[in-house]
Amino acid sequence: MIHVTSEAMHGCVDEATTRGRVLIVDADSEARSHLRSLLREEGYAVETFAWAGALLDQPLPEAPCCIVADVQMPSIDGLELIARLKSRSEPIPVVFVTDHAEVPLSVRAMKAGAVDFLPRPFDEGDLLGAIDYALEIDTERRSANRTRHALTQRFDRLTPRERQVMEGVVRGLMNKQIAWELEISEITVKLHRSSLMRKMELRSVADLVRASFSLSVH
């Protein structure tokens, strides 16, 4: 039976920091306390949970963060935690620590998407390096999501005809070829092309191609 504590339900949050936020998930209270103290001393904001279900029940941070978790936990283990985060489109990077460093388990963890798999007792430098790398991954992921969201909003402003012209440009067609395919004048193609570039806030064909791949419009 799992006993619910206030920590497991709500987490222990340490706010002001500039290094990043780490969510610790470990059923061992002594291990949680040790990790929390270590990471606080290193300048991270820390939130702790006694099991994975408690973390999944909470709104996850909107700022870059990562998870440090025991891979073998009651009810929901580390691999299931990764799977559930992915199913919710919240693929927060996970660093596993474990007392059971079997090779097959470490292979499964890395294939599932874990950033690192550290057996206890682990080197503190290795843990901090893995955490910083995980935070870098999450920062880049969130930045890419913001860029994709902004592009989607701009793309939604395009008219159907502008989208057709955009598709032709991305395929590498010249204006006269687009005009022939769409059965419109080349001047009209140029007008649509100028308008769509302005709406998309892009300057070059290369930028447009990159945007189209980000939006999967090709």
C-alpha atoms as a PDB file:
ATOM      1  CA  MET A   1       0.000   0.000   0.000  1.00  0.00           C
ATOM      2  CA  ILE A   2       1.295   3.452  -0.887  1.00  0.00           C
ATOM      3  CA  HIS A   3       0.909   6.075   1.795  1.00  0.00           C
ATOM      4  CA  VAL A   4       0.013   9.522   0.549  1.00  0.00           C
ATOM      5  CA  THR A   5       2.016  12.379   1.999  1.00  0.00           C
ATOM      6  CA  SER A   6       1.659  16.092   1.455  1.00  0.00           C
ATOM      7  CA  GLU A   7       4.979  16.017  -0.396  1.00  0.00           C
ATOM      8  CA  ALA A   8       3.783  13.322  -2.781  1.00  0.00           C
ATOM      9  CA  MET A   9       0.518  15.101  -3.448  1.00  0.00           C
ATOM     10  CA  HIS A  10       1.790  18.608  -3.906  1.00  0.00           C
ATOM     11  CA  GLY A  11       5.564  18.448  -4.206  1.00  0.00           C
ATOM     12  CA  CYS A  12       8.129  20.571  -2.393  1.00  0.00           C
ATOM     13  CA  VAL A  13       8.961  23.576  -4.535  1.00  0.00           C
ATOM     14  CA  ASP A  14      12.049  25.742  -4.212  1.00  0.00           C
ATOM     15  CA  GLU A  15      11.550  28.843  -6.289  1.00  0.00           C
ATOM     16  CA  ALA A  16      14.175  31.447  -7.135  1.00  0.00           C
ATOM     17  CA  THR A  17      16.953  30.032  -9.257  1.00  0.00           C
ATOM     18  CA  THR A  18      18.644  30.685 -12.552  1.00  0.00           C
ATOM     19  CA  ARG A  19      19.971  27.225 -13.377  1.00  0.00           C
ATOM     20  CA  GLY A  20      16.759  25.350 -14.142  1.00  0.00           C
ATOM     21  CA  ARG A  21      13.965  23.290 -12.594  1.00  0.00           C
ATOM     22  CA  VAL A  22      14.308  19.619 -11.695  1.00  0.00           C
ATOM     23  CA  LEU A  23      11.457  17.284 -10.749  1.00  0.00           C
ATOM     24  CA  ILE A  24      12.639  14.427  -8.523  1.00  0.00           C
ATOM     25  CA  VAL A  25      10.600  11.211  -8.386  1.00  0.00           C
ATOM     26  CA  ASP A  26      11.737   8.567  -5.930  1.00  0.00           C
ATOM     27  CA  ALA A  27       9.846   6.359  -3.468  1.00  0.00           C
ATOM     28  CA  ASP A  28      12.823   6.437  -1.077  1.00  0.00           C
ATOM     29  CA  SER A  29      12.439   9.506   1.144  1.00  0.00           C
ATOM     30  CA  GLU A  30      16.144   9.485   2.073  1.00  0.00           C
ATOM     31  CA  ALA A  31      17.152   9.406  -1.595  1.00  0.00           C
ATOM     32  CA  ARG A  32      14.727  12.245  -2.385  1.00  0.00           C
ATOM     33  CA  SER A  33      16.114  14.338   0.444  1.00  0.00           C
ATOM     34  CA  HIS A  34      19.706  13.747  -0.636  1.00  0.00           C
ATOM     35  CA  LEU A  35      19.000  14.682  -4.247  1.00  0.00           C
ATOM     36  CA  ARG A  36      16.965  17.711  -3.241  1.00  0.00           C
ATOM     37  CA  SER A  37      19.751  19.035  -0.991  1.00  0.00           C
ATOM     38  CA  LEU A  38      22.425  18.412  -3.621  1.00  0.00           C
ATOM     39  CA  LEU A  39      20.535  20.113  -6.421  1.00  0.00           C
ATOM     40  CA  ARG A  40      19.440  23.067  -4.296  1.00  0.00           C
ATOM     41  CA  GLU A  41      23.086  23.679  -3.376  1.00  0.00           C
ATOM     42  CA  GLU A  42      23.930  23.658  -7.098  1.00  0.00           C
ATOM     43  CA  GLY A  43      21.328  26.362  -7.813  1.00  0.00           C
ATOM     44  CA  TYR A  44      18.416  24.383  -9.254  1.00  0.00           C
ATOM     45  CA  ALA A  45      14.775  24.812  -8.341  1.00  0.00           C
ATOM     46  CA  VAL A  46      13.589  21.459  -7.072  1.00  0.00           C
ATOM     47  CA  GLU A  47      10.218  19.761  -6.769  1.00  0.00           C
ATOM     48  CA  THR A  48       9.964  16.292  -5.234  1.00  0.00           C
ATOM     49  CA  PHE A  49       7.430  13.476  -5.579  1.00  0.00           C
ATOM     50  CA  ALA A  50       7.189  10.127  -3.812  1.00  0.00           C
ATOM     51  CA  TRP A  51       5.879   8.348  -6.905  1.00  0.00           C
ATOM     52  CA  ALA A  52       5.278   9.014 -10.588  1.00  0.00           C
ATOM     53  CA  GLY A  53       1.502   9.239 -10.280  1.00  0.00           C
ATOM     54  CA  ALA A  54       1.843  12.285  -8.033  1.00  0.00           C
ATOM     55  CA  LEU A  55       3.920  14.062 -10.675  1.00  0.00           C
ATOM     56  CA  LEU A  56       1.483  13.150 -13.451  1.00  0.00           C
ATOM     57  CA  ASP A  57      -1.423  14.517 -11.404  1.00  0.00           C
ATOM     58  CA  GLN A  58       0.188  17.968 -11.208  1.00  0.00           C
ATOM     59  CA  PRO A  59       0.346  20.674 -13.898  1.00  0.00           C
ATOM     60  CA  LEU A  60       3.869  20.425 -15.268  1.00  0.00           C
ATOM     61  CA  PRO A  61       6.092  23.538 -15.365  1.00  0.00           C
ATOM     62  CA  GLU A  62       5.754  25.822 -18.372  1.00  0.00           C
ATOM     63  CA  ALA A  63       9.446  26.696 -18.138  1.00  0.00           C
ATOM     64  CA  PRO A  64      12.301  24.361 -19.118  1.00  0.00           C
ATOM     65  CA  CYS A  65      12.635  21.447 -16.712  1.00  0.00           C
ATOM     66  CA  CYS A  66      13.723  17.829 -16.477  1.00  0.00           C
ATOM     67  CA  ILE A  67      12.948  14.807 -14.358  1.00  0.00           C
ATOM     68  CA  VAL A  68      15.340  12.788 -12.200  1.00  0.00           C
ATOM     69  CA  ALA A  69      13.629   9.506 -11.324  1.00  0.00           C
ATOM     70  CA  ASP A  70      14.293   6.072  -9.940  1.00  0.00           C
ATOM     71  CA  VAL A  71      13.662   3.732 -12.862  1.00  0.00           C
ATOM     72  CA  GLN A  72      12.060   1.081 -10.606  1.00  0.00           C
ATOM     73  CA  MET A  73       9.139   2.580  -8.697  1.00  0.00           C
ATOM     74  CA  PRO A  74       5.852   1.184  -7.368  1.00  0.00           C
ATOM     75  CA  SER A  75       2.676   1.451  -9.445  1.00  0.00           C
ATOM     76  CA  ILE A  76       4.187   3.447 -12.343  1.00  0.00           C
ATOM     77  CA  ASP A  77       7.824   2.703 -13.121  1.00  0.00           C
ATOM     78  CA  GLY A  78      10.231   4.976 -14.938  1.00  0.00           C
ATOM     79  CA  LEU A  79       9.619   3.519 -18.388  1.00  0.00           C
ATOM     80  CA  GLU A  80       5.869   3.897 -17.988  1.00  0.00           C
ATOM     81  CA  LEU A  81       6.410   7.472 -16.802  1.00  0.00           C
ATOM     82  CA  ILE A  82       8.216   8.307 -20.056  1.00  0.00           C
ATOM     83  CA  ALA A  83       5.462   6.637 -22.081  1.00  0.00           C
ATOM     84  CA  ARG A  84       2.716   8.594 -20.314  1.00  0.00           C
ATOM     85  CA  LEU A  85       4.515  11.910 -20.740  1.00  0.00           C
ATOM     86  CA  LYS A  86       4.904  11.230 -24.459  1.00  0.00           C
ATOM     87  CA  SER A  87       1.232  10.272 -24.782  1.00  0.00           C
ATOM     88  CA  ARG A  88       0.332  13.636 -23.247  1.00  0.00           C
ATOM     89  CA  SER A  89       2.672  15.455 -25.676  1.00  0.00           C
ATOM     90  CA  GLU A  90       4.848  16.474 -22.719  1.00  0.00           C
ATOM     91  CA  PRO A  91       8.134  14.687 -23.491  1.00  0.00           C
ATOM     92  CA  ILE A  92      10.077  16.167 -20.598  1.00  0.00           C
ATOM     93  CA  PRO A  93      13.632  14.733 -20.576  1.00  0.00           C
ATOM     94  CA  VAL A  94      14.233  12.071 -17.922  1.00  0.00           C
ATOM     95  CA  VAL A  95      17.466  11.124 -16.162  1.00  0.00           C
ATOM     96  CA  PHE A  96      17.237   7.756 -14.410  1.00  0.00           C
ATOM     97  CA  VAL A  97      19.061   6.818 -11.214  1.00  0.00           C
ATOM     98  CA  THR A  98      18.834   3.276  -9.915  1.00  0.00           C
ATOM     99  CA  ASP A  99      20.130   0.740  -7.418  1.00  0.00           C
ATOM    100  CA  HIS A 100      19.640  -1.996 -10.020  1.00  0.00           C
ATOM    101  CA  ALA A 101      21.912  -1.285 -12.977  1.00  0.00           C
ATOM    102  CA  GLU A 102      21.153  -4.321 -15.118  1.00  0.00           C
ATOM    103  CA  VAL A 103      22.298  -3.912 -18.720  1.00  0.00           C
ATOM    104  CA  PRO A 104      18.957  -4.970 -20.283  1.00  0.00           C
ATOM    105  CA  LEU A 105      17.097  -2.422 -18.157  1.00  0.00           C
ATOM    106  CA  SER A 106      19.531   0.361 -19.066  1.00  0.00           C
ATOM    107  CA  VAL A 107      19.141  -0.502 -22.753  1.00  0.00           C
ATOM    108  CA  ARG A 108      15.341  -0.407 -22.475  1.00  0.00           C
ATOM    109  CA  ALA A 109      15.529   2.930 -20.669  1.00  0.00           C
ATOM    110  CA  MET A 110      17.726   4.537 -23.312  1.00  0.00           C
ATOM    111  CA  LYS A 111      15.563   3.162 -26.126  1.00  0.00           C
ATOM    112  CA  ALA A 112      12.525   4.638 -24.380  1.00  0.00           C
ATOM    113  CA  GLY A 113      14.173   8.056 -24.554  1.00  0.00           C
ATOM    114  CA  ALA A 114      15.974   8.507 -21.254  1.00  0.00           C
ATOM    115  CA  VAL A 115      18.749  11.102 -21.340  1.00  0.00           C
ATOM    116  CA  ASP A 116      20.989   9.054 -19.052  1.00  0.00           C
ATOM    117  CA  PHE A 117      20.944   5.996 -16.786  1.00  0.00           C
ATOM    118  CA  LEU A 118      23.081   6.346 -13.655  1.00  0.00           C
ATOM    119  CA  PRO A 119      23.632   3.522 -11.145  1.00  0.00           C
ATOM    120  CA  ARG A 120      23.942   4.382  -7.474  1.00  0.00           C
ATOM    121  CA  PRO A 121      26.282   5.435  -6.064  1.00  0.00           C
ATOM    122  CA  PHE A 122      26.670   7.867  -8.947  1.00  0.00           C
ATOM    123  CA  ASP A 123      29.274  10.536  -9.480  1.00  0.00           C
ATOM    124  CA  GLU A 124      27.719  13.912  -8.687  1.00  0.00           C
ATOM    125  CA  GLY A 125      29.454  15.480 -11.669  1.00  0.00           C
ATOM    126  CA  ASP A 126      27.894  12.897 -13.970  1.00  0.00           C
ATOM    127  CA  LEU A 127      24.442  13.623 -12.548  1.00  0.00           C
ATOM    128  CA  LEU A 128      24.810  17.389 -12.877  1.00  0.00           C
ATOM    129  CA  GLY A 129      26.110  17.012 -16.418  1.00  0.00           C
ATOM    130  CA  ALA A 130      23.137  14.836 -17.347  1.00  0.00           C
ATOM    131  CA  ILE A 131      20.709  17.303 -15.778  1.00  0.00           C
ATOM    132  CA  ASP A 132      22.208  20.279 -17.614  1.00  0.00           C
ATOM    133  CA  TYR A 133      22.043  18.352 -20.886  1.00  0.00           C
ATOM    134  CA  ALA A 134      18.408  17.404 -20.215  1.00  0.00           C
ATOM    135  CA  LEU A 135      17.533  21.034 -19.460  1.00  0.00           C
ATOM    136  CA  GLU A 136      19.218  22.100 -22.702  1.00  0.00           C
ATOM    137  CA  ILE A 137      17.125  19.558 -24.615  1.00  0.00           C
ATOM    138  CA  ASP A 138      13.915  20.805 -23.007  1.00  0.00           C
ATOM    139  CA  THR A 139      14.828  24.452 -23.656  1.00  0.00           C
ATOM    140  CA  GLU A 140      15.384  23.702 -27.354  1.00  0.00           C
ATOM    141  CA  ARG A 141      12.152  21.676 -27.548  1.00  0.00           C
ATOM    142  CA  ARG A 142      10.091  24.487 -26.069  1.00  0.00           C
ATOM    143  CA  SER A 143      11.737  27.060 -28.335  1.00  0.00           C
ATOM    144  CA  ALA A 144      10.959  24.921 -31.397  1.00  0.00           C
ATOM    145  CA  ASN A 145       7.355  24.544 -30.241  1.00  0.00           C
ATOM    146  CA  ARG A 146       6.986  28.316 -29.858  1.00  0.00           C
ATOM    147  CA  THR A 147       8.427  28.857 -33.329  1.00  0.00           C
ATOM    148  CA  ARG A 148       6.118  26.225 -34.817  1.00  0.00           C
ATOM    149  CA  HIS A 149       3.106  27.751 -33.072  1.00  0.00           C
ATOM    150  CA  ALA A 150       3.948  31.226 -34.406  1.00  0.00           C
ATOM    151  CA  LEU A 151       4.404  29.846 -37.930  1.00  0.00           C
ATOM    152  CA  THR A 152       1.088  28.018 -37.705  1.00  0.00           C
ATOM    153  CA  GLN A 153      -0.705  31.203 -36.718  1.00  0.00           C
ATOM    154  CA  ARG A 154       0.832  33.051 -39.670  1.00  0.00           C
ATOM    155  CA  PHE A 155       0.071  30.195 -42.073  1.00  0.00           C
ATOM    156  CA  ASP A 156      -3.565  30.249 -40.939  1.00  0.00           C
ATOM    157  CA  ARG A 157      -3.794  33.838 -42.211  1.00  0.00           C
ATOM    158  CA  LEU A 158      -2.959  32.813 -45.779  1.00  0.00           C
ATOM    159  CA  THR A 159      -5.722  32.592 -48.351  1.00  0.00           C
ATOM    160  CA  PRO A 160      -6.270  29.270 -50.184  1.00  0.00           C
ATOM    161  CA  ARG A 161      -4.629  30.725 -53.285  1.00  0.00           C
ATOM    162  CA  GLU A 162      -1.613  31.969 -51.315  1.00  0.00           C
ATOM    163  CA  ARG A 163      -1.194  28.463 -49.905  1.00  0.00           C
ATOM    164  CA  GLN A 164      -1.233  27.035 -53.420  1.00  0.00           C
ATOM    165  CA  VAL A 165       1.439  29.503 -54.515  1.00  0.00           C
ATOM    166  CA  MET A 166       3.471  28.711 -51.392  1.00  0.00           C
ATOM    167  CA  GLU A 167       3.320  25.000 -52.188  1.00  0.00           C
ATOM    168  CA  GLY A 168       4.591  25.704 -55.699  1.00  0.00           C
ATOM    169  CA  VAL A 169       7.453  27.868 -54.445  1.00  0.00           C
ATOM    170  CA  VAL A 170       8.483  25.194 -51.950  1.00  0.00           C
ATOM    171  CA  ARG A 171       8.527  22.627 -54.781  1.00  0.00           C
ATOM    172  CA  GLY A 172      11.035  24.842 -56.573  1.00  0.00           C
ATOM    173  CA  LEU A 173       8.724  25.985 -59.371  1.00  0.00           C
ATOM    174  CA  MET A 174       9.255  29.293 -61.138  1.00  0.00           C
ATOM    175  CA  ASN A 175       6.489  31.886 -61.138  1.00  0.00           C
ATOM    176  CA  LYS A 176       5.490  31.071 -64.709  1.00  0.00           C
ATOM    177  CA  GLN A 177       5.252  27.372 -63.876  1.00  0.00           C
ATOM    178  CA  ILE A 178       3.034  28.095 -60.868  1.00  0.00           C
ATOM    179  CA  ALA A 179       0.920  30.356 -63.033  1.00  0.00           C
ATOM    180  CA  TRP A 180       0.488  27.603 -65.631  1.00  0.00           C
ATOM    181  CA  GLU A 181      -0.498  25.018 -62.983  1.00  0.00           C
ATOM    182  CA  LEU A 182      -2.989  27.339 -61.286  1.00  0.00           C
ATOM    183  CA  GLU A 183      -4.233  28.829 -64.562  1.00  0.00           C
ATOM    184  CA  ILE A 184      -3.591  32.405 -63.440  1.00  0.00           C
ATOM    185  CA  SER A 185      -1.277  35.124 -64.698  1.00  0.00           C
ATOM    186  CA  GLU A 186       2.350  35.353 -63.696  1.00  0.00           C
ATOM    187  CA  ILE A 187       1.714  38.848 -62.316  1.00  0.00           C
ATOM    188  CA  THR A 188      -0.999  37.410 -60.054  1.00  0.00           C
ATOM    189  CA  VAL A 189       1.440  34.746 -58.842  1.00  0.00           C
ATOM    190  CA  LYS A 190       3.966  37.461 -57.984  1.00  0.00           C
ATOM    191  CA  LEU A 191       1.330  39.385 -56.025  1.00  0.00           C
ATOM    192  CA  HIS A 192       0.302  36.295 -54.057  1.00  0.00           C
ATOM    193  CA  ARG A 193       3.922  35.392 -53.472  1.00  0.00           C
ATOM    194  CA  SER A 194       4.715  38.837 -52.110  1.00  0.00           C
ATOM    195  CA  SER A 195       1.638  38.751 -49.892  1.00  0.00           C
ATOM    196  CA  LEU A 196       2.340  35.320 -48.432  1.00  0.00           C
ATOM    197  CA  MET A 197       5.958  36.208 -47.657  1.00  0.00           C
ATOM    198  CA  ARG A 198       4.766  39.313 -45.842  1.00  0.00           C
ATOM    199  CA  LYS A 199       2.138  37.401 -43.863  1.00  0.00           C
ATOM    200  CA  MET A 200       4.588  34.639 -42.981  1.00  0.00           C
ATOM    201  CA  GLU A 201       7.169  37.282 -41.980  1.00  0.00           C
ATOM    202  CA  LEU A 202       9.854  35.590 -44.068  1.00  0.00           C
ATOM    203  CA  ARG A 203      12.531  37.101 -46.284  1.00  0.00           C
ATOM    204  CA  SER A 204      13.780  34.343 -48.568  1.00  0.00           C
ATOM    205  CA  VAL A 205      12.724  31.180 -50.350  1.00  0.00           C
ATOM    206  CA  ALA A 206      15.081  29.239 -48.061  1.00  0.00           C
ATOM    207  CA  ASP A 207      13.203  30.603 -45.042  1.00  0.00           C
ATOM    208  CA  LEU A 208       9.917  29.592 -46.664  1.00  0.00           C
ATOM    209  CA  VAL A 209      11.146  26.059 -47.329  1.00  0.00           C
ATOM    210  CA  ARG A 210      12.312  25.669 -43.726  1.00  0.00           C
ATOM    211  CA  ALA A 211       8.976  26.994 -42.489  1.00  0.00           C
ATOM    212  CA  SER A 212       7.068  24.587 -44.717  1.00  0.00           C
ATOM    213  CA  PHE A 213       8.973  21.597 -43.357  1.00  0.00           C
ATOM    214  CA  SER A 214       8.335  22.780 -39.805  1.00  0.00           C
ATOM    215  CA  LEU A 215       4.645  22.982 -40.655  1.00  0.00           C
ATOM    216  CA  SER A 216       4.741  19.794 -42.771  1.00  0.00           C
ATOM    217  CA  VAL A 217       3.363  21.802 -45.716  1.00  0.00           C
ATOM    218  CA  HIS A 218       5.206  20.230 -48.643  1.00  0.00           C
END
